[in-house]
Amino acid sequence: LAQQLLAFIFNTRHRPTSEGLTQTTVIWFGDQWMSIGDIISNAVSAWEGSDINQIDQIKTVLDGLNNNDDVPILPSSYEDCPTPDFTQPES
């Protein structure tokens, strides 16, 4: 869980743009919409606890999010949506 949580924190701080996402950005987490801040808090609580099933469940969902497995995101502000870049790469 620790490795998946750290990767998730890095991903949300530095992606999809260098500014990352705000802690209030809501994403689909397992079976419900949750803010990034709540996901991190729940993961830390599970990590500190002893419920192996909860730890494994959160680790698995974080792994899927870290690997971009169908990640729906509801931005909390327009700043969370990067501007598309339609320029053609130089050959």
C-alpha atoms as a PDB file:
ATOM      1  CA  LEU A   1       0.000   0.000   0.000  1.00  0.00           C
ATOM      2  CA  ALA A   2       2.812   2.418   0.837  1.00  0.00           C
ATOM      3  CA  GLN A   3       4.282   2.277  -2.663  1.00  0.00           C
ATOM      4  CA  GLN A   4       0.906   2.652  -4.382  1.00  0.00           C
ATOM      5  CA  LEU A   5      -0.040   5.555  -2.101  1.00  0.00           C
ATOM      6  CA  LEU A   6       3.237   7.367  -2.765  1.00  0.00           C
ATOM      7  CA  ALA A   7       2.821   6.889  -6.522  1.00  0.00           C
ATOM      8  CA  PHE A   8      -0.769   8.191  -6.286  1.00  0.00           C
ATOM      9  CA  ILE A   9       0.370  11.273  -4.355  1.00  0.00           C
ATOM     10  CA  PHE A  10       3.103  11.986  -6.927  1.00  0.00           C
ATOM     11  CA  ASN A  11       0.681  11.422  -9.816  1.00  0.00           C
ATOM     12  CA  THR A  12      -1.919  13.808  -8.400  1.00  0.00           C
ATOM     13  CA  ARG A  13       0.676  16.460  -7.553  1.00  0.00           C
ATOM     14  CA  HIS A  14       2.413  16.415 -10.938  1.00  0.00           C
ATOM     15  CA  ARG A  15      -0.157  15.180 -13.471  1.00  0.00           C
ATOM     16  CA  PRO A  16      -1.986  15.843 -15.777  1.00  0.00           C
ATOM     17  CA  THR A  17      -0.003  19.125 -15.739  1.00  0.00           C
ATOM     18  CA  SER A  18       3.030  20.215 -13.756  1.00  0.00           C
ATOM     19  CA  GLU A  19       0.637  21.887 -11.279  1.00  0.00           C
ATOM     20  CA  GLY A  20      -1.157  18.596 -10.635  1.00  0.00           C
ATOM     21  CA  LEU A  21      -4.708  18.315  -9.312  1.00  0.00           C
ATOM     22  CA  THR A  22      -6.213  19.997  -6.257  1.00  0.00           C
ATOM     23  CA  GLN A  23      -7.017  17.960  -3.151  1.00  0.00           C
ATOM     24  CA  THR A  24     -10.709  18.650  -3.802  1.00  0.00           C
ATOM     25  CA  THR A  25     -10.702  17.100  -7.285  1.00  0.00           C
ATOM     26  CA  VAL A  26     -13.120  14.169  -7.257  1.00  0.00           C
ATOM     27  CA  ILE A  27     -12.328  10.844  -8.940  1.00  0.00           C
ATOM     28  CA  TRP A  28     -14.022   7.443  -9.064  1.00  0.00           C
ATOM     29  CA  PHE A  29     -12.498   5.345  -6.300  1.00  0.00           C
ATOM     30  CA  GLY A  30     -13.613   1.724  -6.204  1.00  0.00           C
ATOM     31  CA  ASP A  31     -17.365   2.154  -6.013  1.00  0.00           C
ATOM     32  CA  GLN A  32     -17.851   5.848  -5.233  1.00  0.00           C
ATOM     33  CA  TRP A  33     -16.732   9.370  -6.072  1.00  0.00           C
ATOM     34  CA  MET A  34     -14.142  10.679  -3.606  1.00  0.00           C
ATOM     35  CA  SER A  35     -11.876  13.697  -3.373  1.00  0.00           C
ATOM     36  CA  ILE A  36      -8.160  13.144  -3.749  1.00  0.00           C
ATOM     37  CA  GLY A  37      -7.678  14.395  -0.187  1.00  0.00           C
ATOM     38  CA  ASP A  38     -10.176  11.858   1.182  1.00  0.00           C
ATOM     39  CA  ILE A  39      -8.585   9.022  -0.791  1.00  0.00           C
ATOM     40  CA  ILE A  40      -5.179   9.852   0.657  1.00  0.00           C
ATOM     41  CA  SER A  41      -6.604  10.121   4.198  1.00  0.00           C
ATOM     42  CA  ASN A  42      -8.425   6.792   3.881  1.00  0.00           C
ATOM     43  CA  ALA A  43      -5.326   5.092   2.500  1.00  0.00           C
ATOM     44  CA  VAL A  44      -3.181   6.401   5.364  1.00  0.00           C
ATOM     45  CA  SER A  45      -5.783   5.221   7.907  1.00  0.00           C
ATOM     46  CA  ALA A  46      -5.888   1.773   6.304  1.00  0.00           C
ATOM     47  CA  TRP A  47      -2.084   1.630   6.238  1.00  0.00           C
ATOM     48  CA  GLU A  48      -1.970   2.429   9.975  1.00  0.00           C
ATOM     49  CA  GLY A  49      -4.652  -0.186  10.695  1.00  0.00           C
ATOM     50  CA  SER A  50      -4.644  -3.959  10.709  1.00  0.00           C
ATOM     51  CA  ASP A  51      -7.526  -4.805   8.334  1.00  0.00           C
ATOM     52  CA  ILE A  52      -5.674  -6.731   5.625  1.00  0.00           C
ATOM     53  CA  ASN A  53      -8.746  -6.818   3.356  1.00  0.00           C
ATOM     54  CA  GLN A  54      -9.134  -3.029   3.479  1.00  0.00           C
ATOM     55  CA  ILE A  55      -5.404  -2.522   2.880  1.00  0.00           C
ATOM     56  CA  ASP A  56      -5.479  -4.856  -0.127  1.00  0.00           C
ATOM     57  CA  GLN A  57      -8.636  -3.267  -1.546  1.00  0.00           C
ATOM     58  CA  ILE A  58      -7.224   0.269  -1.359  1.00  0.00           C
ATOM     59  CA  LYS A  59      -3.854  -0.883  -2.735  1.00  0.00           C
ATOM     60  CA  THR A  60      -5.573  -2.535  -5.705  1.00  0.00           C
ATOM     61  CA  VAL A  61      -7.685   0.526  -6.536  1.00  0.00           C
ATOM     62  CA  LEU A  62      -4.666   2.841  -6.209  1.00  0.00           C
ATOM     63  CA  ASP A  63      -2.687   0.523  -8.474  1.00  0.00           C
ATOM     64  CA  GLY A  64      -5.410   0.785 -11.115  1.00  0.00           C
ATOM     65  CA  LEU A  65      -5.497   4.570 -10.847  1.00  0.00           C
ATOM     66  CA  ASN A  66      -1.710   4.799 -11.019  1.00  0.00           C
ATOM     67  CA  ASN A  67      -1.750   2.718 -14.199  1.00  0.00           C
ATOM     68  CA  ASN A  68      -4.499   4.853 -15.791  1.00  0.00           C
ATOM     69  CA  ASP A  69      -7.066   2.053 -15.788  1.00  0.00           C
ATOM     70  CA  ASP A  70     -10.229   3.987 -16.713  1.00  0.00           C
ATOM     71  CA  VAL A  71      -9.744   7.076 -14.566  1.00  0.00           C
ATOM     72  CA  PRO A  72     -12.834   9.308 -14.686  1.00  0.00           C
ATOM     73  CA  ILE A  73     -12.145  12.690 -13.069  1.00  0.00           C
ATOM     74  CA  LEU A  74     -14.539  15.480 -12.080  1.00  0.00           C
ATOM     75  CA  PRO A  75     -12.400  18.639 -11.918  1.00  0.00           C
ATOM     76  CA  SER A  76     -13.101  20.908  -8.967  1.00  0.00           C
ATOM     77  CA  SER A  77     -12.053  23.935 -11.016  1.00  0.00           C
ATOM     78  CA  TYR A  78     -11.154  24.849 -14.572  1.00  0.00           C
ATOM     79  CA  GLU A  79      -7.521  25.091 -13.481  1.00  0.00           C
ATOM     80  CA  ASP A  80      -7.584  21.296 -13.062  1.00  0.00           C
ATOM     81  CA  CYS A  81      -8.256  20.884 -16.804  1.00  0.00           C
ATOM     82  CA  PRO A  82      -5.142  21.292 -18.932  1.00  0.00           C
ATOM     83  CA  THR A  83      -5.452  23.233 -22.169  1.00  0.00           C
ATOM     84  CA  PRO A  84      -5.268  20.855 -25.137  1.00  0.00           C
ATOM     85  CA  ASP A  85      -2.153  21.223 -27.276  1.00  0.00           C
ATOM     86  CA  PHE A  86      -2.989  20.561 -30.914  1.00  0.00           C
ATOM     87  CA  THR A  87       0.383  21.590 -32.319  1.00  0.00           C
ATOM     88  CA  GLN A  88       2.112  19.071 -34.536  1.00  0.00           C
ATOM     89  CA  PRO A  89       5.448  17.754 -33.303  1.00  0.00           C
ATOM     90  CA  GLU A  90       8.411  18.738 -35.411  1.00  0.00           C
ATOM     91  CA  SER A  91       9.788  15.984 -37.622  1.00  0.00           C
END
